[in-house]
C-alpha atoms as a PDB file:
ATOM      1  CA  MET A   1     128.782 235.162  89.695  1.00  0.00           C
ATOM      2  CA  ASN A   2     129.842 234.573  86.082  1.00  0.00           C
ATOM      3  CA  ILE A   3     131.814 231.390  85.383  1.00  0.00           C
ATOM      4  CA  LEU A   4     133.314 230.398  82.039  1.00  0.00           C
ATOM      5  CA  ILE A   5     134.040 226.708  81.404  1.00  0.00           C
ATOM      6  CA  THR A   6     136.406 225.817  78.574  1.00  0.00           C
ATOM      7  CA  GLY A   7     135.616 222.351  77.246  1.00  0.00           C
ATOM      8  CA  ILE A   8     132.045 222.647  78.501  1.00  0.00           C
ATOM      9  CA  SER A   9     130.840 219.953  76.099  1.00  0.00           C
ATOM     10  CA  GLY A  10     133.204 217.331  77.547  1.00  0.00           C
ATOM     11  CA  PHE A  11     132.502 214.717  80.209  1.00  0.00           C
ATOM     12  CA  ILE A  12     133.582 216.819  83.183  1.00  0.00           C
ATOM     13  CA  GLY A  13     132.350 220.069  81.639  1.00  0.00           C
ATOM     14  CA  GLY A  14     128.796 218.853  81.127  1.00  0.00           C
ATOM     15  CA  HIS A  15     128.378 217.541  84.659  1.00  0.00           C
ATOM     16  CA  LEU A  16     130.073 220.597  86.152  1.00  0.00           C
ATOM     17  CA  ALA A  17     127.842 223.006  84.221  1.00  0.00           C
ATOM     18  CA  ASP A  18     124.758 221.206  85.586  1.00  0.00           C
ATOM     19  CA  GLU A  19     126.118 221.315  89.141  1.00  0.00           C
ATOM     20  CA  LEU A  20     126.962 225.026  89.009  1.00  0.00           C
ATOM     21  CA  THR A  21     123.719 225.994  87.295  1.00  0.00           C
ATOM     22  CA  ALA A  22     121.740 224.152  89.980  1.00  0.00           C
ATOM     23  CA  SER A  23     123.556 226.314  92.551  1.00  0.00           C
ATOM     24  CA  TYR A  24     122.527 229.500  90.698  1.00  0.00           C
ATOM     25  CA  TYR A  25     125.878 230.381  89.185  1.00  0.00           C
ATOM     26  CA  LYS A  26     125.703 232.021  85.758  1.00  0.00           C
ATOM     27  CA  VAL A  27     127.501 229.498  83.571  1.00  0.00           C
ATOM     28  CA  PHE A  28     129.066 230.227  80.184  1.00  0.00           C
ATOM     29  CA  GLY A  29     131.088 227.926  77.988  1.00  0.00           C
ATOM     30  CA  ILE A  30     133.512 227.591  75.116  1.00  0.00           C
ATOM     31  CA  ASN A  31     133.515 224.921  72.450  1.00  0.00           C
ATOM     32  CA  HIS A  32     134.036 224.567  68.699  1.00  0.00           C
ATOM     33  CA  THR A  33     130.493 224.193  67.433  1.00  0.00           C
ATOM     34  CA  LYS A  34     127.581 225.106  69.674  1.00  0.00           C
ATOM     35  CA  LYS A  35     126.864 228.817  69.878  1.00  0.00           C
ATOM     36  CA  ASN A  36     124.178 230.683  71.807  1.00  0.00           C
ATOM     37  CA  GLU A  37     124.082 233.535  74.285  1.00  0.00           C
ATOM     38  CA  ASN A  38     125.939 231.463  76.898  1.00  0.00           C
ATOM     39  CA  ILE A  39     128.169 229.346  74.649  1.00  0.00           C
ATOM     40  CA  PHE A  40     130.981 230.965  72.681  1.00  0.00           C
ATOM     41  CA  CYS A  41     132.327 229.287  69.565  1.00  0.00           C
ATOM     42  CA  CYS A  42     136.068 229.653  70.067  1.00  0.00           C
ATOM     43  CA  ASP A  43     139.322 227.898  69.216  1.00  0.00           C
ATOM     44  CA  LEU A  44     141.704 228.177  72.154  1.00  0.00           C
ATOM     45  CA  LEU A  45     144.612 227.706  69.774  1.00  0.00           C
ATOM     46  CA  SER A  46     143.774 231.233  68.583  1.00  0.00           C
ATOM     47  CA  TYR A  47     144.821 233.964  70.995  1.00  0.00           C
ATOM     48  CA  GLU A  48     142.633 236.409  69.076  1.00  0.00           C
ATOM     49  CA  GLN A  49     139.493 234.309  69.453  1.00  0.00           C
ATOM     50  CA  ILE A  50     139.783 233.776  73.197  1.00  0.00           C
ATOM     51  CA  SER A  51     140.654 237.456  73.613  1.00  0.00           C
ATOM     52  CA  GLN A  52     137.409 238.430  71.874  1.00  0.00           C
ATOM     53  CA  VAL A  53     135.449 236.292  74.357  1.00  0.00           C
ATOM     54  CA  LEU A  54     137.082 238.006  77.326  1.00  0.00           C
ATOM     55  CA  ILE A  55     136.579 241.442  75.807  1.00  0.00           C
ATOM     56  CA  ARG A  56     132.845 240.774  75.346  1.00  0.00           C
ATOM     57  CA  LYS A  57     132.172 239.348  78.815  1.00  0.00           C
ATOM     58  CA  LYS A  58     133.706 239.627  82.265  1.00  0.00           C
ATOM     59  CA  PHE A  59     134.034 236.455  84.302  1.00  0.00           C
ATOM     60  CA  ASP A  60     134.699 235.925  87.993  1.00  0.00           C
ATOM     61  CA  TRP A  61     136.151 232.469  87.366  1.00  0.00           C
ATOM     62  CA  ILE A  62     137.369 230.532  84.349  1.00  0.00           C
ATOM     63  CA  ILE A  63     137.492 226.756  84.750  1.00  0.00           C
ATOM     64  CA  HIS A  64     139.960 225.492  82.171  1.00  0.00           C
ATOM     65  CA  LEU A  65     139.045 221.940  81.203  1.00  0.00           C
ATOM     66  CA  ALA A  66     139.703 222.049  77.445  1.00  0.00           C
ATOM     67  CA  ALA A  67     142.573 219.780  76.419  1.00  0.00           C
ATOM     68  CA  LEU A  68     143.545 216.752  74.391  1.00  0.00           C
ATOM     69  CA  THR A  69     142.960 213.895  76.845  1.00  0.00           C
ATOM     70  CA  SER A  70     143.635 210.527  75.183  1.00  0.00           C
ATOM     71  CA  VAL A  71     146.728 208.831  76.583  1.00  0.00           C
ATOM     72  CA  ASN A  72     146.850 206.457  73.602  1.00  0.00           C
ATOM     73  CA  GLU A  73     146.731 209.329  71.110  1.00  0.00           C
ATOM     74  CA  SER A  74     149.450 211.150  73.028  1.00  0.00           C
ATOM     75  CA  TRP A  75     151.866 208.322  72.186  1.00  0.00           C
ATOM     76  CA  ARG A  76     151.167 208.622  68.447  1.00  0.00           C
ATOM     77  CA  ASP A  77     152.310 212.250  68.173  1.00  0.00           C
ATOM     78  CA  PRO A  78     153.729 213.346  71.544  1.00  0.00           C
ATOM     79  CA  VAL A  79     155.259 216.646  70.398  1.00  0.00           C
ATOM     80  CA  ASN A  80     152.036 217.919  68.842  1.00  0.00           C
ATOM     81  CA  PHE A  81     149.998 216.662  71.794  1.00  0.00           C
ATOM     82  CA  ILE A  82     152.095 218.528  74.357  1.00  0.00           C
ATOM     83  CA  ASN A  83     152.336 221.656  72.216  1.00  0.00           C
ATOM     84  CA  THR A  84     148.569 221.790  71.664  1.00  0.00           C
ATOM     85  CA  ASN A  85     147.654 221.590  75.344  1.00  0.00           C
ATOM     86  CA  SER A  86     150.398 224.059  76.213  1.00  0.00           C
ATOM     87  CA  LYS A  87     149.374 226.585  73.564  1.00  0.00           C
ATOM     88  CA  MET A  88     145.719 226.566  74.604  1.00  0.00           C
ATOM     89  CA  THR A  89     146.711 227.255  78.196  1.00  0.00           C
ATOM     90  CA  GLN A  90     149.250 229.914  77.233  1.00  0.00           C
ATOM     91  CA  ASN A  91     146.707 231.736  75.051  1.00  0.00           C
ATOM     92  CA  LEU A  92     144.100 231.659  77.802  1.00  0.00           C
ATOM     93  CA  TYR A  93     146.416 233.084  80.456  1.00  0.00           C
ATOM     94  CA  LYS A  94     147.798 235.766  78.149  1.00  0.00           C
ATOM     95  CA  SER A  95     144.267 236.857  77.329  1.00  0.00           C
ATOM     96  CA  ILE A  96     143.241 236.929  80.993  1.00  0.00           C
ATOM     97  CA  GLN A  97     146.308 238.975  81.866  1.00  0.00           C
ATOM     98  CA  LYS A  98     145.524 241.568  79.211  1.00  0.00           C
ATOM     99  CA  TYR A  99     141.733 241.763  79.243  1.00  0.00           C
ATOM    100  CA  SER A 100     140.425 240.238  82.480  1.00  0.00           C
ATOM    101  CA  SER A 101     143.134 240.435  85.121  1.00  0.00           C
ATOM    102  CA  LEU A 102     140.725 240.082  88.078  1.00  0.00           C
ATOM    103  CA  THR A 103     139.443 236.724  86.849  1.00  0.00           C
ATOM    104  CA  LYS A 104     140.498 233.683  88.860  1.00  0.00           C
ATOM    105  CA  VAL A 105     141.222 230.308  87.279  1.00  0.00           C
ATOM    106  CA  ILE A 106     140.673 226.679  88.171  1.00  0.00           C
ATOM    107  CA  LEU A 107     143.112 224.732  86.013  1.00  0.00           C
ATOM    108  CA  ALA A 108     142.328 221.078  85.394  1.00  0.00           C
ATOM    109  CA  SER A 109     145.619 219.259  85.552  1.00  0.00           C
ATOM    110  CA  SER A 110     145.700 215.513  86.232  1.00  0.00           C
ATOM    111  CA  ALA A 111     146.854 213.137  88.939  1.00  0.00           C
ATOM    112  CA  SER A 112     148.769 211.378  86.179  1.00  0.00           C
ATOM    113  CA  ILE A 113     151.540 213.973  86.569  1.00  0.00           C
ATOM    114  CA  TYR A 114     152.637 212.069  89.700  1.00  0.00           C
ATOM    115  CA  GLY A 115     153.539 208.995  87.655  1.00  0.00           C
ATOM    116  CA  LYS A 116     155.306 206.193  89.461  1.00  0.00           C
ATOM    117  CA  GLN A 117     155.743 206.833  93.177  1.00  0.00           C
ATOM    118  CA  LYS A 118     157.491 204.894  95.918  1.00  0.00           C
ATOM    119  CA  LYS A 119     154.722 205.264  98.496  1.00  0.00           C
ATOM    120  CA  TYR A 120     150.955 205.660  98.612  1.00  0.00           C
ATOM    121  CA  PRO A 121     148.515 207.333  98.945  1.00  0.00           C
ATOM    122  CA  ILE A 122     149.791 210.152  96.757  1.00  0.00           C
ATOM    123  CA  LYS A 123     149.684 213.635  98.247  1.00  0.00           C
ATOM    124  CA  GLU A 124     149.984 217.031  96.576  1.00  0.00           C
ATOM    125  CA  ASN A 125     153.552 217.603  97.779  1.00  0.00           C
ATOM    126  CA  PHE A 126     154.875 214.486  95.998  1.00  0.00           C
ATOM    127  CA  LYS A 127     157.367 215.222  93.238  1.00  0.00           C
ATOM    128  CA  PRO A 128     155.846 214.874  89.733  1.00  0.00           C
ATOM    129  CA  ASN A 129     157.133 211.992  87.638  1.00  0.00           C
ATOM    130  CA  PRO A 130     155.020 211.830  84.433  1.00  0.00           C
ATOM    131  CA  ILE A 131     155.440 208.675  82.354  1.00  0.00           C
ATOM    132  CA  ASP A 132     153.520 209.479  79.151  1.00  0.00           C
ATOM    133  CA  PRO A 133     153.070 212.482  76.826  1.00  0.00           C
ATOM    134  CA  TYR A 134     149.567 213.220  78.134  1.00  0.00           C
ATOM    135  CA  SER A 135     150.858 213.512  81.698  1.00  0.00           C
ATOM    136  CA  LYS A 136     153.770 215.649  80.551  1.00  0.00           C
ATOM    137  CA  SER A 137     151.351 217.992  78.787  1.00  0.00           C
ATOM    138  CA  LYS A 138     149.325 218.427  81.997  1.00  0.00           C
ATOM    139  CA  LEU A 139     152.463 219.187  84.000  1.00  0.00           C
ATOM    140  CA  GLU A 140     153.451 221.727  81.361  1.00  0.00           C
ATOM    141  CA  GLN A 141     150.043 223.391  81.777  1.00  0.00           C
ATOM    142  CA  GLU A 142     150.733 223.735  85.498  1.00  0.00           C
ATOM    143  CA  LYS A 143     154.121 225.299  84.820  1.00  0.00           C
ATOM    144  CA  ILE A 144     152.568 227.819  82.422  1.00  0.00           C
ATOM    145  CA  SER A 145     149.952 228.855  84.990  1.00  0.00           C
ATOM    146  CA  LYS A 146     152.653 229.501  87.586  1.00  0.00           C
ATOM    147  CA  LYS A 147     154.378 232.003  85.290  1.00  0.00           C
ATOM    148  CA  PHE A 148     151.348 234.286  85.532  1.00  0.00           C
ATOM    149  CA  THR A 149     151.828 235.179  89.180  1.00  0.00           C
ATOM    150  CA  ASN A 150     149.253 237.986  89.095  1.00  0.00           C
ATOM    151  CA  ILE A 151     146.430 235.580  88.190  1.00  0.00           C
ATOM    152  CA  GLY A 152     144.979 233.609  91.098  1.00  0.00           C
ATOM    153  CA  THR A 153     144.933 229.940  90.099  1.00  0.00           C
ATOM    154  CA  ILE A 154     143.686 226.803  91.816  1.00  0.00           C
ATOM    155  CA  ILE A 155     145.095 223.610  90.296  1.00  0.00           C
ATOM    156  CA  ILE A 156     143.014 220.451  90.494  1.00  0.00           C
ATOM    157  CA  ARG A 157     144.528 217.003  89.992  1.00  0.00           C
ATOM    158  CA  PRO A 158     141.654 214.580  89.434  1.00  0.00           C
ATOM    159  CA  PHE A 159     142.362 210.869  89.689  1.00  0.00           C
ATOM    160  CA  ASN A 160     140.420 208.438  87.479  1.00  0.00           C
ATOM    161  CA  GLN A 161     137.023 209.912  86.637  1.00  0.00           C
ATOM    162  CA  THR A 162     134.007 207.791  85.837  1.00  0.00           C
ATOM    163  CA  GLY A 163     130.231 207.863  85.793  1.00  0.00           C
ATOM    164  CA  PRO A 164     127.255 208.138  83.441  1.00  0.00           C
ATOM    165  CA  GLY A 165     127.930 209.984  80.214  1.00  0.00           C
ATOM    166  CA  GLN A 166     131.579 209.077  79.781  1.00  0.00           C
ATOM    167  CA  SER A 167     132.290 208.062  76.197  1.00  0.00           C
ATOM    168  CA  HIS A 168     135.485 206.050  76.666  1.00  0.00           C
ATOM    169  CA  LEU A 169     138.041 204.770  79.222  1.00  0.00           C
ATOM    170  CA  ALA A 170     137.916 201.498  81.102  1.00  0.00           C
ATOM    171  CA  ILE A 171     134.728 201.404  83.191  1.00  0.00           C
ATOM    172  CA  SER A 172     132.594 203.128  80.573  1.00  0.00           C
ATOM    173  CA  ASN A 173     134.058 200.878  77.894  1.00  0.00           C
ATOM    174  CA  PHE A 174     133.225 197.758  79.919  1.00  0.00           C
ATOM    175  CA  ALA A 175     129.682 198.998  80.538  1.00  0.00           C
ATOM    176  CA  LYS A 176     129.137 199.892  76.891  1.00  0.00           C
ATOM    177  CA  GLN A 177     130.233 196.447  75.712  1.00  0.00           C
ATOM    178  CA  ILE A 178     128.000 194.742  78.273  1.00  0.00           C
ATOM    179  CA  ALA A 179     125.017 196.846  77.201  1.00  0.00           C
ATOM    180  CA  ILE A 180     125.666 195.895  73.566  1.00  0.00           C
ATOM    181  CA  CYS A 181     125.794 192.218  74.507  1.00  0.00           C
ATOM    182  CA  GLU A 182     122.465 192.525  76.330  1.00  0.00           C
ATOM    183  CA  LYS A 183     120.794 193.853  73.178  1.00  0.00           C
ATOM    184  CA  SER A 184     122.428 191.515  70.670  1.00  0.00           C
ATOM    185  CA  GLU A 185     123.620 187.968  70.181  1.00  0.00           C
ATOM    186  CA  LYS A 186     127.125 188.901  71.314  1.00  0.00           C
ATOM    187  CA  ASP A 187     128.379 187.525  74.624  1.00  0.00           C
ATOM    188  CA  ILE A 188     132.086 188.485  74.554  1.00  0.00           C
ATOM    189  CA  ILE A 189     133.672 191.756  75.666  1.00  0.00           C
ATOM    190  CA  LYS A 190     137.278 192.739  74.997  1.00  0.00           C
ATOM    191  CA  ILE A 191     139.467 193.803  77.902  1.00  0.00           C
ATOM    192  CA  GLY A 192     143.026 194.993  78.525  1.00  0.00           C
ATOM    193  CA  ASN A 193     145.139 194.753  81.673  1.00  0.00           C
ATOM    194  CA  LEU A 194     142.991 193.792  84.679  1.00  0.00           C
ATOM    195  CA  ASP A 195     145.781 193.590  87.253  1.00  0.00           C
ATOM    196  CA  THR A 196     146.141 197.317  87.929  1.00  0.00           C
ATOM    197  CA  LEU A 197     144.910 199.035  91.106  1.00  0.00           C
ATOM    198  CA  ARG A 198     143.216 202.395  90.562  1.00  0.00           C
ATOM    199  CA  ASP A 199     141.472 205.201  92.437  1.00  0.00           C
ATOM    200  CA  TYR A 200     138.085 205.999  90.885  1.00  0.00           C
ATOM    201  CA  VAL A 201     135.865 208.933  91.792  1.00  0.00           C
ATOM    202  CA  ASP A 202     132.363 209.597  90.487  1.00  0.00           C
ATOM    203  CA  ILE A 203     132.174 212.615  88.176  1.00  0.00           C
ATOM    204  CA  ARG A 204     129.227 213.951  90.181  1.00  0.00           C
ATOM    205  CA  ASP A 205     131.355 214.013  93.327  1.00  0.00           C
ATOM    206  CA  THR A 206     134.128 215.717  91.351  1.00  0.00           C
ATOM    207  CA  SER A 207     131.716 218.424  90.186  1.00  0.00           C
ATOM    208  CA  LYS A 208     130.794 219.147  93.792  1.00  0.00           C
ATOM    209  CA  ALA A 209     134.484 219.337  94.708  1.00  0.00           C
ATOM    210  CA  ILE A 210     135.151 221.947  92.023  1.00  0.00           C
ATOM    211  CA  LYS A 211     132.104 223.952  93.116  1.00  0.00           C
ATOM    212  CA  LEU A 212     133.376 224.026  96.705  1.00  0.00           C
ATOM    213  CA  LEU A 213     136.825 225.153  95.571  1.00  0.00           C
ATOM    214  CA  ILE A 214     135.255 228.224  93.964  1.00  0.00           C
ATOM    215  CA  SER A 215     134.066 229.453  97.352  1.00  0.00           C
ATOM    216  CA  LYS A 216     136.557 227.855  99.735  1.00  0.00           C
ATOM    217  CA  GLY A 217     139.697 226.922  97.799  1.00  0.00           C
ATOM    218  CA  LYS A 218     142.970 228.797  98.128  1.00  0.00           C
ATOM    219  CA  THR A 219     144.646 230.204  95.027  1.00  0.00           C
ATOM    220  CA  ASN A 220     148.194 229.151  94.206  1.00  0.00           C
ATOM    221  CA  GLU A 221     147.448 225.714  95.649  1.00  0.00           C
ATOM    222  CA  ALA A 222     146.929 222.279  94.098  1.00  0.00           C
ATOM    223  CA  TYR A 223     144.272 219.797  95.211  1.00  0.00           C
ATOM    224  CA  ASN A 224     143.835 216.095  94.563  1.00  0.00           C
ATOM    225  CA  ILE A 225     140.292 214.965  93.760  1.00  0.00           C
ATOM    226  CA  CYS A 226     140.075 211.250  94.476  1.00  0.00           C
ATOM    227  CA  SER A 227     138.310 208.567  96.483  1.00  0.00           C
ATOM    228  CA  GLY A 228     141.328 207.757  98.626  1.00  0.00           C
ATOM    229  CA  LYS A 229     140.766 204.057  97.893  1.00  0.00           C
ATOM    230  CA  LYS A 230     142.310 201.572  95.473  1.00  0.00           C
ATOM    231  CA  ILE A 231     140.392 198.912  93.605  1.00  0.00           C
ATOM    232  CA  LYS A 232     141.572 196.232  91.193  1.00  0.00           C
ATOM    233  CA  MET A 233     140.335 196.539  87.622  1.00  0.00           C
ATOM    234  CA  GLU A 234     139.415 192.851  87.610  1.00  0.00           C
ATOM    235  CA  ASN A 235     137.066 193.431  90.552  1.00  0.00           C
ATOM    236  CA  ILE A 236     135.446 196.366  88.752  1.00  0.00           C
ATOM    237  CA  LEU A 237     134.859 194.296  85.628  1.00  0.00           C
ATOM    238  CA  TYR A 238     133.219 191.432  87.501  1.00  0.00           C
ATOM    239  CA  GLN A 239     131.041 193.803  89.525  1.00  0.00           C
ATOM    240  CA  LEU A 240     129.720 195.149  86.214  1.00  0.00           C
ATOM    241  CA  ILE A 241     129.260 191.672  84.762  1.00  0.00           C
ATOM    242  CA  ASN A 242     127.286 190.668  87.861  1.00  0.00           C
ATOM    243  CA  LEU A 243     124.928 193.582  87.192  1.00  0.00           C
ATOM    244  CA  SER A 244     124.199 192.245  83.733  1.00  0.00           C
ATOM    245  CA  THR A 245     121.151 190.286  82.665  1.00  0.00           C
ATOM    246  CA  LYS A 246     123.277 188.157  80.362  1.00  0.00           C
ATOM    247  CA  LYS A 247     126.125 185.687  80.797  1.00  0.00           C
ATOM    248  CA  ILE A 248     129.229 187.537  79.613  1.00  0.00           C
ATOM    249  CA  LYS A 249     132.581 186.130  78.505  1.00  0.00           C
ATOM    250  CA  ILE A 250     135.830 188.101  78.344  1.00  0.00           C
ATOM    251  CA  LEU A 251     138.639 188.197  75.785  1.00  0.00           C
ATOM    252  CA  LYS A 252     141.984 189.885  76.385  1.00  0.00           C
ATOM    253  CA  ASP A 253     142.949 192.251  73.547  1.00  0.00           C
ATOM    254  CA  LYS A 254     146.613 193.258  73.326  1.00  0.00           C
ATOM    255  CA  LYS A 255     145.603 196.454  71.525  1.00  0.00           C
ATOM    256  CA  LEU A 256     143.947 197.657  74.731  1.00  0.00           C
ATOM    257  CA  ILE A 257     147.131 197.348  76.785  1.00  0.00           C
ATOM    258  CA  ARG A 258     149.052 200.618  77.159  1.00  0.00           C
ATOM    259  CA  PRO A 259     152.798 200.837  76.396  1.00  0.00           C
ATOM    260  CA  VAL A 260     153.377 201.937  80.007  1.00  0.00           C
ATOM    261  CA  ASP A 261     150.912 201.134  82.794  1.00  0.00           C
ATOM    262  CA  LEU A 262     151.433 201.633  86.518  1.00  0.00           C
ATOM    263  CA  PRO A 263     150.546 198.586  88.645  1.00  0.00           C
ATOM    264  CA  GLU A 264     149.190 200.798  91.454  1.00  0.00           C
ATOM    265  CA  PHE A 265     147.910 204.379  91.581  1.00  0.00           C
ATOM    266  CA  TRP A 266     145.786 205.987  94.305  1.00  0.00           C
ATOM    267  CA  GLY A 267     145.691 209.225  96.210  1.00  0.00           C
ATOM    268  CA  SER A 268     144.770 211.162  99.326  1.00  0.00           C
ATOM    269  CA  HIS A 269     141.999 213.771  99.434  1.00  0.00           C
ATOM    270  CA  GLN A 270     143.036 214.956 102.901  1.00  0.00           C
ATOM    271  CA  LYS A 271     143.970 218.440 101.693  1.00  0.00           C
ATOM    272  CA  ILE A 272     140.754 219.286  99.833  1.00  0.00           C
ATOM    273  CA  THR A 273     138.696 217.803 102.658  1.00  0.00           C
ATOM    274  CA  ALA A 274     140.476 219.959 105.228  1.00  0.00           C
ATOM    275  CA  THR A 275     140.031 223.067 103.054  1.00  0.00           C
ATOM    276  CA  THR A 276     136.446 222.658 101.828  1.00  0.00           C
ATOM    277  CA  GLY A 277     134.846 219.798 103.771  1.00  0.00           C
ATOM    278  CA  TRP A 278     134.434 217.815 100.535  1.00  0.00           C
ATOM    279  CA  GLU A 279     134.375 214.021 100.586  1.00  0.00           C
ATOM    280  CA  PRO A 280     133.298 211.544  97.903  1.00  0.00           C
ATOM    281  CA  LEU A 281     129.784 210.397  98.812  1.00  0.00           C
ATOM    282  CA  ILE A 282     128.432 208.340  95.916  1.00  0.00           C
ATOM    283  CA  PRO A 283     128.805 204.573  96.565  1.00  0.00           C
ATOM    284  CA  PHE A 284     130.911 202.833  93.935  1.00  0.00           C
ATOM    285  CA  ASN A 285     128.227 200.253  93.178  1.00  0.00           C
ATOM    286  CA  LYS A 286     125.821 203.104  92.354  1.00  0.00           C
ATOM    287  CA  THR A 287     128.424 204.621  90.023  1.00  0.00           C
ATOM    288  CA  LEU A 288     128.753 201.301  88.190  1.00  0.00           C
ATOM    289  CA  LEU A 289     124.994 200.735  87.939  1.00  0.00           C
ATOM    290  CA  ASP A 290     124.346 204.306  86.743  1.00  0.00           C
ATOM    291  CA  THR A 291     127.077 203.965  84.124  1.00  0.00           C
ATOM    292  CA  LEU A 292     125.684 200.653  82.876  1.00  0.00           C
ATOM    293  CA  ASN A 293     122.150 202.058  82.782  1.00  0.00           C
ATOM    294  CA  TYR A 294     123.392 205.065  80.819  1.00  0.00           C
ATOM    295  CA  TRP A 295     124.661 202.748  78.082  1.00  0.00           C
ATOM    296  CA  ARG A 296     121.550 200.569  78.251  1.00  0.00           C
ATOM    297  CA  ASN A 297     119.470 203.676  77.483  1.00  0.00           C
ATOM    298  CA  TYR A 298     121.916 205.029  74.903  1.00  0.00           C
ATOM    299  CA  ILE A 299     122.349 201.947  72.734  1.00  0.00           C
END
């Protein structure tokens, strides 16, 4: 089975490619720079370029991960941010419709489209209520996919992703700063809002969830990928600090506090579990230790 991953060089894409390759899928990818027999150099903002990829090779599935993903950057230029993610998705679907109509798609949306809700855990039938430009761009991607009714699409809505190899976001940022302190004279790490409650899932569990959806998921459906548990950011930080070999101090940095931040956000994975049998299996303390060790080896 041939599978094309857009954004294969990203955090999710890299782990997913490893997971699928280990299960003997033939994995291909798209990015801007690397080019070999399995990686196509392609700009998804160009309809012509993505069309050439689909003309050259037939794929059973396309997993669309490529997107602008920084919430902070989305606030700086919201119109361009939303338009960019929308155009990439529009170009991809138009190309599939014309040149590869039998190809099925897994579209990576985001749990952030749910925004502020009145009750928890969040389920797939909750009404979207995005609160930032990034979330609005992901919801727009979903709307675009639904216009192409002849293309079978599975929408995934991952909650907070973390694990070894992540280059930014809260847990990885904490771990990176701690690793730097361990190898230097520094003993202070900068932090933002620690009062929020979040649902974190290990990227390796997420990769297994996506793999199962290829064989067992239902098209024209959306699935949450989450742990089903909430944990306070303060608790996460101190778990990481306790794993350190050095005494660490913290300093609150206003620059790290988002303009809008939900106090609580967690979901239910009941639907994907019922459909595929998937459940998150990696213990959270292992996720934290693996992430910290990644940065210890990297720095």
